[in-house]
Amino acid sequence: MNPKKPLTPIKPMGMELVFLYPCPQCGQAVPVASPVKPALAQCAACRARFPIVPVDERTVNFVKLMTAGGKAAIDPDFV
């Protein structure tokens, strides 16, 4: 890294929606990135594995489209 060059903040190149599922064993929130198919999640706290209900892929795609893949979600006062 060049120490003379000022560090410019980087804009996001994409985005992912994270859904929180409660662990049935300990209640800890387990983050899962856009699970559009049935899957098993694993709790980081108690290591329990459990099946999760998928989310609607069309809804995820709509949010991504409306925010231009995260680019439109940038704070306009910052740039």
C-alpha atoms as a PDB file:
ATOM      1  CA  MET A   1       0.000   0.000   0.000  1.00  0.00           C
ATOM      2  CA  ASN A   2       1.317   3.428  -0.932  1.00  0.00           C
ATOM      3  CA  PRO A   3       1.450   5.595   2.248  1.00  0.00           C
ATOM      4  CA  LYS A   4       1.465   8.839   0.202  1.00  0.00           C
ATOM      5  CA  LYS A   5      -1.876   8.195  -1.485  1.00  0.00           C
ATOM      6  CA  PRO A   6      -4.922   9.319   0.574  1.00  0.00           C
ATOM      7  CA  LEU A   7      -7.390   6.563   1.410  1.00  0.00           C
ATOM      8  CA  THR A   8     -10.589   7.148  -0.581  1.00  0.00           C
ATOM      9  CA  PRO A   9     -13.799   5.583   0.752  1.00  0.00           C
ATOM     10  CA  ILE A  10     -15.020   2.759  -1.460  1.00  0.00           C
ATOM     11  CA  LYS A  11     -18.631   2.502  -2.652  1.00  0.00           C
ATOM     12  CA  PRO A  12     -20.428  -0.847  -2.478  1.00  0.00           C
ATOM     13  CA  MET A  13     -20.212  -3.067  -5.552  1.00  0.00           C
ATOM     14  CA  GLY A  14     -23.268  -5.116  -4.628  1.00  0.00           C
ATOM     15  CA  MET A  15     -25.517  -6.068  -1.773  1.00  0.00           C
ATOM     16  CA  GLU A  16     -27.039  -9.051  -0.067  1.00  0.00           C
ATOM     17  CA  LEU A  17     -30.071  -9.203   2.170  1.00  0.00           C
ATOM     18  CA  VAL A  18     -29.510 -10.951   5.489  1.00  0.00           C
ATOM     19  CA  PHE A  19     -32.432 -12.598   7.258  1.00  0.00           C
ATOM     20  CA  LEU A  20     -32.337 -13.467  10.954  1.00  0.00           C
ATOM     21  CA  TYR A  21     -33.688 -16.806  12.130  1.00  0.00           C
ATOM     22  CA  PRO A  22     -34.065 -17.592  15.856  1.00  0.00           C
ATOM     23  CA  CYS A  23     -32.229 -20.729  16.938  1.00  0.00           C
ATOM     24  CA  PRO A  24     -34.830 -23.162  18.332  1.00  0.00           C
ATOM     25  CA  GLN A  25     -32.321 -24.385  20.956  1.00  0.00           C
ATOM     26  CA  CYS A  26     -30.944 -21.177  22.463  1.00  0.00           C
ATOM     27  CA  GLY A  27     -32.885 -18.333  20.835  1.00  0.00           C
ATOM     28  CA  GLN A  28     -29.802 -16.671  19.327  1.00  0.00           C
ATOM     29  CA  ALA A  29     -30.414 -14.779  16.055  1.00  0.00           C
ATOM     30  CA  VAL A  30     -28.774 -16.671  13.185  1.00  0.00           C
ATOM     31  CA  PRO A  31     -28.041 -14.506  10.112  1.00  0.00           C
ATOM     32  CA  VAL A  32     -28.548 -16.141   6.709  1.00  0.00           C
ATOM     33  CA  ALA A  33     -27.929 -14.315   3.417  1.00  0.00           C
ATOM     34  CA  SER A  34     -31.026 -14.479   1.172  1.00  0.00           C
ATOM     35  CA  PRO A  35     -31.944 -18.133   1.622  1.00  0.00           C
ATOM     36  CA  VAL A  36     -34.146 -18.645  -1.471  1.00  0.00           C
ATOM     37  CA  LYS A  37     -34.130 -22.462  -1.140  1.00  0.00           C
ATOM     38  CA  PRO A  38     -34.871 -24.662   1.871  1.00  0.00           C
ATOM     39  CA  ALA A  39     -31.671 -25.173   3.825  1.00  0.00           C
ATOM     40  CA  LEU A  40     -30.168 -25.950   7.207  1.00  0.00           C
ATOM     41  CA  ALA A  41     -28.804 -23.118   9.315  1.00  0.00           C
ATOM     42  CA  GLN A  42     -26.269 -23.537  12.093  1.00  0.00           C
ATOM     43  CA  CYS A  43     -26.248 -21.473  15.256  1.00  0.00           C
ATOM     44  CA  ALA A  44     -22.863 -19.943  16.036  1.00  0.00           C
ATOM     45  CA  ALA A  45     -23.656 -19.914  19.760  1.00  0.00           C
ATOM     46  CA  CYS A  46     -24.801 -23.487  20.476  1.00  0.00           C
ATOM     47  CA  ARG A  47     -23.864 -25.132  17.128  1.00  0.00           C
ATOM     48  CA  ALA A  48     -27.393 -26.551  16.675  1.00  0.00           C
ATOM     49  CA  ARG A  49     -28.479 -27.142  13.068  1.00  0.00           C
ATOM     50  CA  PHE A  50     -32.092 -26.518  12.077  1.00  0.00           C
ATOM     51  CA  PRO A  51     -34.155 -26.229   8.890  1.00  0.00           C
ATOM     52  CA  ILE A  52     -35.214 -22.756   7.769  1.00  0.00           C
ATOM     53  CA  VAL A  53     -38.068 -21.468   5.635  1.00  0.00           C
ATOM     54  CA  PRO A  54     -36.770 -19.843   2.440  1.00  0.00           C
ATOM     55  CA  VAL A  55     -37.597 -16.273   1.442  1.00  0.00           C
ATOM     56  CA  ASP A  56     -39.251 -15.212  -1.803  1.00  0.00           C
ATOM     57  CA  GLU A  57     -36.592 -14.786  -4.487  1.00  0.00           C
ATOM     58  CA  ARG A  58     -38.735 -12.230  -6.341  1.00  0.00           C
ATOM     59  CA  THR A  59     -38.835 -10.024  -3.251  1.00  0.00           C
ATOM     60  CA  VAL A  60     -35.061 -10.250  -2.816  1.00  0.00           C
ATOM     61  CA  ASN A  61     -34.542  -9.403  -6.505  1.00  0.00           C
ATOM     62  CA  PHE A  62     -36.986  -6.475  -6.235  1.00  0.00           C
ATOM     63  CA  VAL A  63     -35.089  -4.930  -3.316  1.00  0.00           C
ATOM     64  CA  LYS A  64     -31.787  -5.393  -5.133  1.00  0.00           C
ATOM     65  CA  LEU A  65     -33.266  -3.846  -8.296  1.00  0.00           C
ATOM     66  CA  MET A  66     -34.732  -0.863  -6.412  1.00  0.00           C
ATOM     67  CA  THR A  67     -31.373  -0.109  -4.810  1.00  0.00           C
ATOM     68  CA  ALA A  68     -29.370  -0.761  -7.997  1.00  0.00           C
ATOM     69  CA  GLY A  69     -27.552  -3.604  -6.288  1.00  0.00           C
ATOM     70  CA  GLY A  70     -26.792  -1.425  -3.263  1.00  0.00           C
ATOM     71  CA  LYS A  71     -25.456   1.566  -5.181  1.00  0.00           C
ATOM     72  CA  ALA A  72     -28.649   3.620  -4.642  1.00  0.00           C
ATOM     73  CA  ALA A  73     -28.532   2.882  -0.908  1.00  0.00           C
ATOM     74  CA  ILE A  74     -25.427   5.049  -0.415  1.00  0.00           C
ATOM     75  CA  ASP A  75     -25.950   7.995   1.941  1.00  0.00           C
ATOM     76  CA  PRO A  76     -26.296  10.983  -0.452  1.00  0.00           C
ATOM     77  CA  ASP A  77     -24.916  13.359   2.187  1.00  0.00           C
ATOM     78  CA  PHE A  78     -21.678  11.376   2.292  1.00  0.00           C
ATOM     79  CA  VAL A  79     -20.788  11.503  -1.415  1.00  0.00           C
END
